[in-house]
Amino acid sequence: MRLNGKALGLAMGILYAVCLFITTIWVMAAGGGEHLVMLKRFYIGYSISVPGALLGAVYAFIDGFLGGWLLAFLYNRFDRG
């Protein structure tokens, strides 16, 4: 069975973007958190705010898409079936 890299990348990108957006809004509503602030090191411009959540979702989508595509590529490359 072969995996579709675009489909897996799109699914993982959307999932990761939605999760990061919701988590950022949740932490912002709860008064902030130390762990999400560490994402600033990887996502330039990210902050625990609504604009930061949107920017983080864009970064997360790109990361998720590339990760899903790479996973499908490697799976297809090494699949013996």
PDB file of N, CA and C in Angstrom:
ATOM      1  N   MET A   1       0.838  -1.178   0.000  1.00  0.00           N
ATOM      2  CA  MET A   1       0.000   0.000   0.000  1.00  0.00           C
ATOM      3  C   MET A   1       0.886   1.245   0.000  1.00  0.00           C
ATOM      4  N   ARG A   2       0.573   2.152  -0.873  1.00  0.00           N
ATOM      5  CA  ARG A   2       1.326   3.397  -0.941  1.00  0.00           C
ATOM      6  C   ARG A   2       0.532   4.508  -0.270  1.00  0.00           C
ATOM      7  N   LEU A   3       1.250   5.415   0.382  1.00  0.00           N
ATOM      8  CA  LEU A   3       0.623   6.563   1.021  1.00  0.00           C
ATOM      9  C   LEU A   3       0.704   7.770   0.090  1.00  0.00           C
ATOM     10  N   ASN A   4      -0.341   8.565   0.071  1.00  0.00           N
ATOM     11  CA  ASN A   4      -0.359   9.797  -0.709  1.00  0.00           C
ATOM     12  C   ASN A   4       0.279  10.900   0.141  1.00  0.00           C
ATOM     13  N   GLY A   5       1.420  11.398  -0.300  1.00  0.00           N
ATOM     14  CA  GLY A   5       2.160  12.395   0.465  1.00  0.00           C
ATOM     15  C   GLY A   5       1.409  13.703   0.642  1.00  0.00           C
ATOM     16  N   LYS A   6       0.722  14.142  -0.410  1.00  0.00           N
ATOM     17  CA  LYS A   6      -0.029  15.403  -0.321  1.00  0.00           C
ATOM     18  C   LYS A   6      -1.190  15.280   0.657  1.00  0.00           C
ATOM     19  N   ALA A   7      -1.894  14.156   0.597  1.00  0.00           N
ATOM     20  CA  ALA A   7      -3.051  13.967   1.483  1.00  0.00           C
ATOM     21  C   ALA A   7      -2.613  13.841   2.940  1.00  0.00           C
ATOM     22  N   LEU A   8      -1.572  13.062   3.197  1.00  0.00           N
ATOM     23  CA  LEU A   8      -1.094  12.915   4.571  1.00  0.00           C
ATOM     24  C   LEU A   8      -0.519  14.229   5.081  1.00  0.00           C
ATOM     25  N   GLY A   9       0.205  14.935   4.234  1.00  0.00           N
ATOM     26  CA  GLY A   9       0.749  16.229   4.625  1.00  0.00           C
ATOM     27  C   GLY A   9      -0.346  17.235   4.940  1.00  0.00           C
ATOM     28  N   LEU A  10      -1.374  17.260   4.121  1.00  0.00           N
ATOM     29  CA  LEU A  10      -2.489  18.182   4.347  1.00  0.00           C
ATOM     30  C   LEU A  10      -3.221  17.837   5.646  1.00  0.00           C
ATOM     31  N   ALA A  11      -3.473  16.558   5.870  1.00  0.00           N
ATOM     32  CA  ALA A  11      -4.165  16.138   7.091  1.00  0.00           C
ATOM     33  C   ALA A  11      -3.351  16.477   8.330  1.00  0.00           C
ATOM     34  N   MET A  12      -2.065  16.182   8.310  1.00  0.00           N
ATOM     35  CA  MET A  12      -1.230  16.469   9.476  1.00  0.00           C
ATOM     36  C   MET A  12      -1.047  17.966   9.665  1.00  0.00           C
ATOM     37  N   GLY A  13      -0.927  18.711   8.576  1.00  0.00           N
ATOM     38  CA  GLY A  13      -0.780  20.161   8.668  1.00  0.00           C
ATOM     39  C   GLY A  13      -2.000  20.817   9.287  1.00  0.00           C
ATOM     40  N   ILE A  14      -3.186  20.419   8.839  1.00  0.00           N
ATOM     41  CA  ILE A  14      -4.422  20.982   9.394  1.00  0.00           C
ATOM     42  C   ILE A  14      -4.563  20.603  10.863  1.00  0.00           C
ATOM     43  N   LEU A  15      -4.308  19.350  11.188  1.00  0.00           N
ATOM     44  CA  LEU A  15      -4.433  18.892  12.571  1.00  0.00           C
ATOM     45  C   LEU A  15      -3.485  19.655  13.499  1.00  0.00           C
ATOM     46  N   TYR A  16      -2.238  19.789  13.102  1.00  0.00           N
ATOM     47  CA  TYR A  16      -1.256  20.482  13.932  1.00  0.00           C
ATOM     48  C   TYR A  16      -1.597  21.970  14.058  1.00  0.00           C
ATOM     49  N   ALA A  17      -2.042  22.588  12.971  1.00  0.00           N
ATOM     50  CA  ALA A  17      -2.395  24.013  13.012  1.00  0.00           C
ATOM     51  C   ALA A  17      -3.578  24.260  13.940  1.00  0.00           C
ATOM     52  N   VAL A  18      -4.606  23.439  13.847  1.00  0.00           N
ATOM     53  CA  VAL A  18      -5.782  23.606  14.706  1.00  0.00           C
ATOM     54  C   VAL A  18      -5.404  23.374  16.171  1.00  0.00           C
ATOM     55  N   CYS A  19      -4.608  22.348  16.425  1.00  0.00           N
ATOM     56  CA  CYS A  19      -4.197  22.062  17.808  1.00  0.00           C
ATOM     57  C   CYS A  19      -3.392  23.213  18.402  1.00  0.00           C
ATOM     58  N   LEU A  20      -2.445  23.760  17.652  1.00  0.00           N
ATOM     59  CA  LEU A  20      -1.635  24.858  18.181  1.00  0.00           C
ATOM     60  C   LEU A  20      -2.480  26.114  18.376  1.00  0.00           C
ATOM     61  N   PHE A  21      -3.382  26.380  17.456  1.00  0.00           N
ATOM     62  CA  PHE A  21      -4.250  27.556  17.591  1.00  0.00           C
ATOM     63  C   PHE A  21      -5.114  27.446  18.851  1.00  0.00           C
ATOM     64  N   ILE A  22      -5.778  26.308  19.021  1.00  0.00           N
ATOM     65  CA  ILE A  22      -6.644  26.120  20.187  1.00  0.00           C
ATOM     66  C   ILE A  22      -5.838  26.158  21.484  1.00  0.00           C
ATOM     67  N   THR A  23      -4.675  25.535  21.475  1.00  0.00           N
ATOM     68  CA  THR A  23      -3.840  25.535  22.680  1.00  0.00           C
ATOM     69  C   THR A  23      -3.393  26.940  23.037  1.00  0.00           C
ATOM     70  N   THR A  24      -3.016  27.728  22.050  1.00  0.00           N
ATOM     71  CA  THR A  24      -2.583  29.100  22.313  1.00  0.00           C
ATOM     72  C   THR A  24      -3.723  29.931  22.888  1.00  0.00           C
ATOM     73  N   ILE A  25      -4.910  29.816  22.302  1.00  0.00           N
ATOM     74  CA  ILE A  25      -6.066  30.566  22.809  1.00  0.00           C
ATOM     75  C   ILE A  25      -6.406  30.111  24.227  1.00  0.00           C
ATOM     76  N   TRP A  26      -6.329  28.814  24.472  1.00  0.00           N
ATOM     77  CA  TRP A  26      -6.642  28.275  25.795  1.00  0.00           C
ATOM     78  C   TRP A  26      -5.653  28.808  26.839  1.00  0.00           C
ATOM     79  N   VAL A  27      -4.370  28.780  26.505  1.00  0.00           N
ATOM     80  CA  VAL A  27      -3.349  29.276  27.440  1.00  0.00           C
ATOM     81  C   VAL A  27      -3.507  30.776  27.645  1.00  0.00           C
ATOM     82  N   MET A  28      -3.839  31.503  26.591  1.00  0.00           N
ATOM     83  CA  MET A  28      -4.047  32.946  26.711  1.00  0.00           C
ATOM     84  C   MET A  28      -5.223  33.232  27.645  1.00  0.00           C
ATOM     85  N   ALA A  29      -6.303  32.468  27.519  1.00  0.00           N
ATOM     86  CA  ALA A  29      -7.476  32.663  28.377  1.00  0.00           C
ATOM     87  C   ALA A  29      -7.181  32.293  29.831  1.00  0.00           C
ATOM     88  N   ALA A  30      -6.260  31.357  30.026  1.00  0.00           N
ATOM     89  CA  ALA A  30      -5.919  30.921  31.382  1.00  0.00           C
ATOM     90  C   ALA A  30      -4.884  31.827  32.038  1.00  0.00           C
ATOM     91  N   GLY A  31      -4.345  32.761  31.304  1.00  0.00           N
ATOM     92  CA  GLY A  31      -3.404  33.704  31.896  1.00  0.00           C
ATOM     93  C   GLY A  31      -1.957  33.526  31.492  1.00  0.00           C
ATOM     94  N   GLY A  32      -1.690  32.747  30.488  1.00  0.00           N
ATOM     95  CA  GLY A  32      -0.316  32.594  30.004  1.00  0.00           C
ATOM     96  C   GLY A  32       0.326  31.318  30.503  1.00  0.00           C
ATOM     97  N   GLY A  33       1.385  30.946  29.849  1.00  0.00           N
ATOM     98  CA  GLY A  33       2.101  29.740  30.230  1.00  0.00           C
ATOM     99  C   GLY A  33       3.538  29.803  29.772  1.00  0.00           C
ATOM    100  N   GLU A  34       4.385  29.124  30.503  1.00  0.00           N
ATOM    101  CA  GLU A  34       5.810  29.175  30.201  1.00  0.00           C
ATOM    102  C   GLU A  34       6.196  28.275  29.034  1.00  0.00           C
ATOM    103  N   HIS A  35       5.496  27.172  28.865  1.00  0.00           N
ATOM    104  CA  HIS A  35       5.932  26.192  27.876  1.00  0.00           C
ATOM    105  C   HIS A  35       5.689  26.649  26.444  1.00  0.00           C
ATOM    106  N   LEU A  36       4.570  27.290  26.181  1.00  0.00           N
ATOM    107  CA  LEU A  36       4.306  27.746  24.816  1.00  0.00           C
ATOM    108  C   LEU A  36       5.207  28.910  24.421  1.00  0.00           C
ATOM    109  N   VAL A  37       5.684  29.667  25.393  1.00  0.00           N
ATOM    110  CA  VAL A  37       6.569  30.791  25.089  1.00  0.00           C
ATOM    111  C   VAL A  37       7.855  30.280  24.438  1.00  0.00           C
ATOM    112  N   MET A  38       8.215  29.042  24.733  1.00  0.00           N
ATOM    113  CA  MET A  38       9.435  28.470  24.157  1.00  0.00           C
ATOM    114  C   MET A  38       9.322  28.290  22.645  1.00  0.00           C
ATOM    115  N   LEU A  39       8.100  28.325  22.098  1.00  0.00           N
ATOM    116  CA  LEU A  39       7.930  28.208  20.656  1.00  0.00           C
ATOM    117  C   LEU A  39       8.502  29.419  19.916  1.00  0.00           C
ATOM    118  N   LYS A  40       8.716  30.526  20.635  1.00  0.00           N
ATOM    119  CA  LYS A  40       9.315  31.714  20.007  1.00  0.00           C
ATOM    120  C   LYS A  40      10.674  31.398  19.394  1.00  0.00           C
ATOM    121  N   ARG A  41      11.365  30.418  19.965  1.00  0.00           N
ATOM    122  CA  ARG A  41      12.683  30.050  19.439  1.00  0.00           C
ATOM    123  C   ARG A  41      12.590  29.468  18.041  1.00  0.00           C
ATOM    124  N   PHE A  42      11.480  28.784  17.746  1.00  0.00           N
ATOM    125  CA  PHE A  42      11.331  28.126  16.456  1.00  0.00           C
ATOM    126  C   PHE A  42      10.436  28.893  15.497  1.00  0.00           C
ATOM    127  N   TYR A  43       9.416  29.542  16.029  1.00  0.00           N
ATOM    128  CA  TYR A  43       8.453  30.275  15.215  1.00  0.00           C
ATOM    129  C   TYR A  43       8.649  31.770  15.440  1.00  0.00           C
ATOM    130  N   ILE A  44       9.325  32.419  14.538  1.00  0.00           N
ATOM    131  CA  ILE A  44       9.640  33.844  14.654  1.00  0.00           C
ATOM    132  C   ILE A  44       8.336  34.648  14.638  1.00  0.00           C
ATOM    133  N   GLY A  45       8.147  35.474  15.637  1.00  0.00           N
ATOM    134  CA  GLY A  45       6.957  36.309  15.731  1.00  0.00           C
ATOM    135  C   GLY A  45       5.827  35.696  16.533  1.00  0.00           C
ATOM    136  N   TYR A  46       5.976  34.453  16.961  1.00  0.00           N
ATOM    137  CA  TYR A  46       4.925  33.791  17.739  1.00  0.00           C
ATOM    138  C   TYR A  46       4.830  34.411  19.128  1.00  0.00           C
ATOM    139  N   SER A  47       3.608  34.562  19.598  1.00  0.00           N
ATOM    140  CA  SER A  47       3.372  35.028  20.963  1.00  0.00           C
ATOM    141  C   SER A  47       2.041  34.466  21.423  1.00  0.00           C
ATOM    142  N   ILE A  48       1.808  34.523  22.707  1.00  0.00           N
ATOM    143  CA  ILE A  48       0.544  34.035  23.252  1.00  0.00           C
ATOM    144  C   ILE A  48      -0.463  35.178  23.155  1.00  0.00           C
ATOM    145  N   SER A  49      -1.040  35.305  21.972  1.00  0.00           N
ATOM    146  CA  SER A  49      -2.050  36.315  21.664  1.00  0.00           C
ATOM    147  C   SER A  49      -2.823  35.805  20.448  1.00  0.00           C
ATOM    148  N   VAL A  50      -3.875  36.497  20.073  1.00  0.00           N
ATOM    149  CA  VAL A  50      -4.653  36.063  18.910  1.00  0.00           C
ATOM    150  C   VAL A  50      -3.818  36.150  17.622  1.00  0.00           C
ATOM    151  N   PRO A  51      -3.112  37.269  17.369  1.00  0.00           N
ATOM    152  CA  PRO A  51      -2.260  37.278  16.173  1.00  0.00           C
ATOM    153  C   PRO A  51      -1.147  36.222  16.240  1.00  0.00           C
ATOM    154  N   GLY A  52      -0.617  36.014  17.438  1.00  0.00           N
ATOM    155  CA  GLY A  52       0.402  34.980  17.607  1.00  0.00           C
ATOM    156  C   GLY A  52      -0.150  33.594  17.346  1.00  0.00           C
ATOM    157  N   ALA A  53      -1.400  33.370  17.756  1.00  0.00           N
ATOM    158  CA  ALA A  53      -2.046  32.076  17.501  1.00  0.00           C
ATOM    159  C   ALA A  53      -2.234  31.848  16.004  1.00  0.00           C
ATOM    160  N   LEU A  54      -2.618  32.902  15.283  1.00  0.00           N
ATOM    161  CA  LEU A  54      -2.784  32.773  13.826  1.00  0.00           C
ATOM    162  C   LEU A  54      -1.448  32.522  13.141  1.00  0.00           C
ATOM    163  N   LEU A  55      -0.428  33.257  13.538  1.00  0.00           N
ATOM    164  CA  LEU A  55       0.893  33.054  12.954  1.00  0.00           C
ATOM    165  C   LEU A  55       1.436  31.675  13.308  1.00  0.00           C
ATOM    166  N   GLY A  56       1.236  31.263  14.550  1.00  0.00           N
ATOM    167  CA  GLY A  56       1.659  29.933  14.970  1.00  0.00           C
ATOM    168  C   GLY A  56       0.944  28.845  14.192  1.00  0.00           C
ATOM    169  N   ALA A  57      -0.339  29.062  13.878  1.00  0.00           N
ATOM    170  CA  ALA A  57      -1.093  28.079  13.095  1.00  0.00           C
ATOM    171  C   ALA A  57      -0.517  27.952  11.686  1.00  0.00           C
ATOM    172  N   VAL A  58      -0.078  29.065  11.113  1.00  0.00           N
ATOM    173  CA  VAL A  58       0.542  29.008   9.785  1.00  0.00           C
ATOM    174  C   VAL A  58       1.846  28.217   9.848  1.00  0.00           C
ATOM    175  N   TYR A  59       2.685  28.540  10.831  1.00  0.00           N
ATOM    176  CA  TYR A  59       3.930  27.790  11.007  1.00  0.00           C
ATOM    177  C   TYR A  59       3.644  26.303  11.262  1.00  0.00           C
ATOM    178  N   ALA A  60       2.649  26.020  12.100  1.00  0.00           N
ATOM    179  CA  ALA A  60       2.317  24.639  12.434  1.00  0.00           C
ATOM    180  C   ALA A  60       1.815  23.888  11.203  1.00  0.00           C
ATOM    181  N   PHE A  61       1.033  24.558  10.359  1.00  0.00           N
ATOM    182  CA  PHE A  61       0.569  23.909   9.137  1.00  0.00           C
ATOM    183  C   PHE A  61       1.746  23.533   8.249  1.00  0.00           C
ATOM    184  N   ILE A  62       2.683  24.439   8.101  1.00  0.00           N
ATOM    185  CA  ILE A  62       3.856  24.156   7.264  1.00  0.00           C
ATOM    186  C   ILE A  62       4.655  22.999   7.848  1.00  0.00           C
ATOM    187  N   ASP A  63       4.887  23.017   9.155  1.00  0.00           N
ATOM    188  CA  ASP A  63       5.612  21.922   9.799  1.00  0.00           C
ATOM    189  C   ASP A  63       4.872  20.598   9.654  1.00  0.00           C
ATOM    190  N   GLY A  64       3.570  20.619   9.899  1.00  0.00           N
ATOM    191  CA  GLY A  64       2.776  19.400   9.796  1.00  0.00           C
ATOM    192  C   GLY A  64       2.730  18.864   8.387  1.00  0.00           C
ATOM    193  N   PHE A  65       2.586  19.762   7.409  1.00  0.00           N
ATOM    194  CA  PHE A  65       2.558  19.327   6.010  1.00  0.00           C
ATOM    195  C   PHE A  65       3.880  18.687   5.623  1.00  0.00           C
ATOM    196  N   LEU A  66       4.976  19.353   5.951  1.00  0.00           N
ATOM    197  CA  LEU A  66       6.287  18.797   5.599  1.00  0.00           C
ATOM    198  C   LEU A  66       6.552  17.481   6.326  1.00  0.00           C
ATOM    199  N   GLY A  67       6.159  17.406   7.585  1.00  0.00           N
ATOM    200  CA  GLY A  67       6.335  16.168   8.341  1.00  0.00           C
ATOM    201  C   GLY A  67       5.506  15.024   7.769  1.00  0.00           C
ATOM    202  N   GLY A  68       4.258  15.286   7.424  1.00  0.00           N
ATOM    203  CA  GLY A  68       3.398  14.268   6.831  1.00  0.00           C
ATOM    204  C   GLY A  68       3.889  13.824   5.470  1.00  0.00           C
ATOM    205  N   TRP A  69       4.311  14.788   4.655  1.00  0.00           N
ATOM    206  CA  TRP A  69       4.835  14.446   3.336  1.00  0.00           C
ATOM    207  C   TRP A  69       6.104  13.601   3.466  1.00  0.00           C
ATOM    208  N   LEU A  70       6.976  13.981   4.384  1.00  0.00           N
ATOM    209  CA  LEU A  70       8.214  13.226   4.588  1.00  0.00           C
ATOM    210  C   LEU A  70       7.929  11.823   5.108  1.00  0.00           C
ATOM    211  N   LEU A  71       6.983  11.703   6.016  1.00  0.00           N
ATOM    212  CA  LEU A  71       6.609  10.395   6.527  1.00  0.00           C
ATOM    213  C   LEU A  71       6.091   9.505   5.405  1.00  0.00           C
ATOM    214  N   ALA A  72       5.216  10.034   4.551  1.00  0.00           N
ATOM    215  CA  ALA A  72       4.688   9.259   3.426  1.00  0.00           C
ATOM    216  C   ALA A  72       5.804   8.902   2.449  1.00  0.00           C
ATOM    217  N   PHE A  73       6.688   9.840   2.186  1.00  0.00           N
ATOM    218  CA  PHE A  73       7.803   9.583   1.270  1.00  0.00           C
ATOM    219  C   PHE A  73       8.676   8.445   1.787  1.00  0.00           C
ATOM    220  N   LEU A  74       9.044   8.513   3.056  1.00  0.00           N
ATOM    221  CA  LEU A  74       9.895   7.470   3.631  1.00  0.00           C
ATOM    222  C   LEU A  74       9.169   6.133   3.704  1.00  0.00           C
ATOM    223  N   TYR A  75       7.894   6.149   4.041  1.00  0.00           N
ATOM    224  CA  TYR A  75       7.127   4.909   4.082  1.00  0.00           C
ATOM    225  C   TYR A  75       7.103   4.271   2.700  1.00  0.00           C
ATOM    226  N   ASN A  76       6.784   5.071   1.680  1.00  0.00           N
ATOM    227  CA  ASN A  76       6.721   4.536   0.315  1.00  0.00           C
ATOM    228  C   ASN A  76       8.092   4.057  -0.163  1.00  0.00           C
ATOM    229  N   ARG A  77       9.114   4.742   0.263  1.00  0.00           N
ATOM    230  CA  ARG A  77      10.476   4.395  -0.165  1.00  0.00           C
ATOM    231  C   ARG A  77      10.915   3.041   0.387  1.00  0.00           C
ATOM    232  N   PHE A  78      10.555   2.771   1.663  1.00  0.00           N
ATOM    233  CA  PHE A  78      11.026   1.562   2.302  1.00  0.00           C
ATOM    234  C   PHE A  78       9.978   0.456   2.383  1.00  0.00           C
ATOM    235  N   ASP A  79       8.807   0.679   1.819  1.00  0.00           N
ATOM    236  CA  ASP A  79       7.759  -0.346   1.826  1.00  0.00           C
ATOM    237  C   ASP A  79       8.161  -1.483   0.904  1.00  0.00           C
ATOM    238  N   ARG A  80       8.078  -2.687   1.403  1.00  0.00           N
ATOM    239  CA  ARG A  80       8.465  -3.854   0.608  1.00  0.00           C
ATOM    240  C   ARG A  80       7.253  -4.533  -0.020  1.00  0.00           C
ATOM    241  N   GLY A  81       6.064  -3.984   0.180  1.00  0.00           N
ATOM    242  CA  GLY A  81       4.847  -4.611  -0.337  1.00  0.00           C
ATOM    243  C   GLY A  81       4.540  -4.167  -1.670  1.00  0.00           C
TER     244      GLY A  81
END
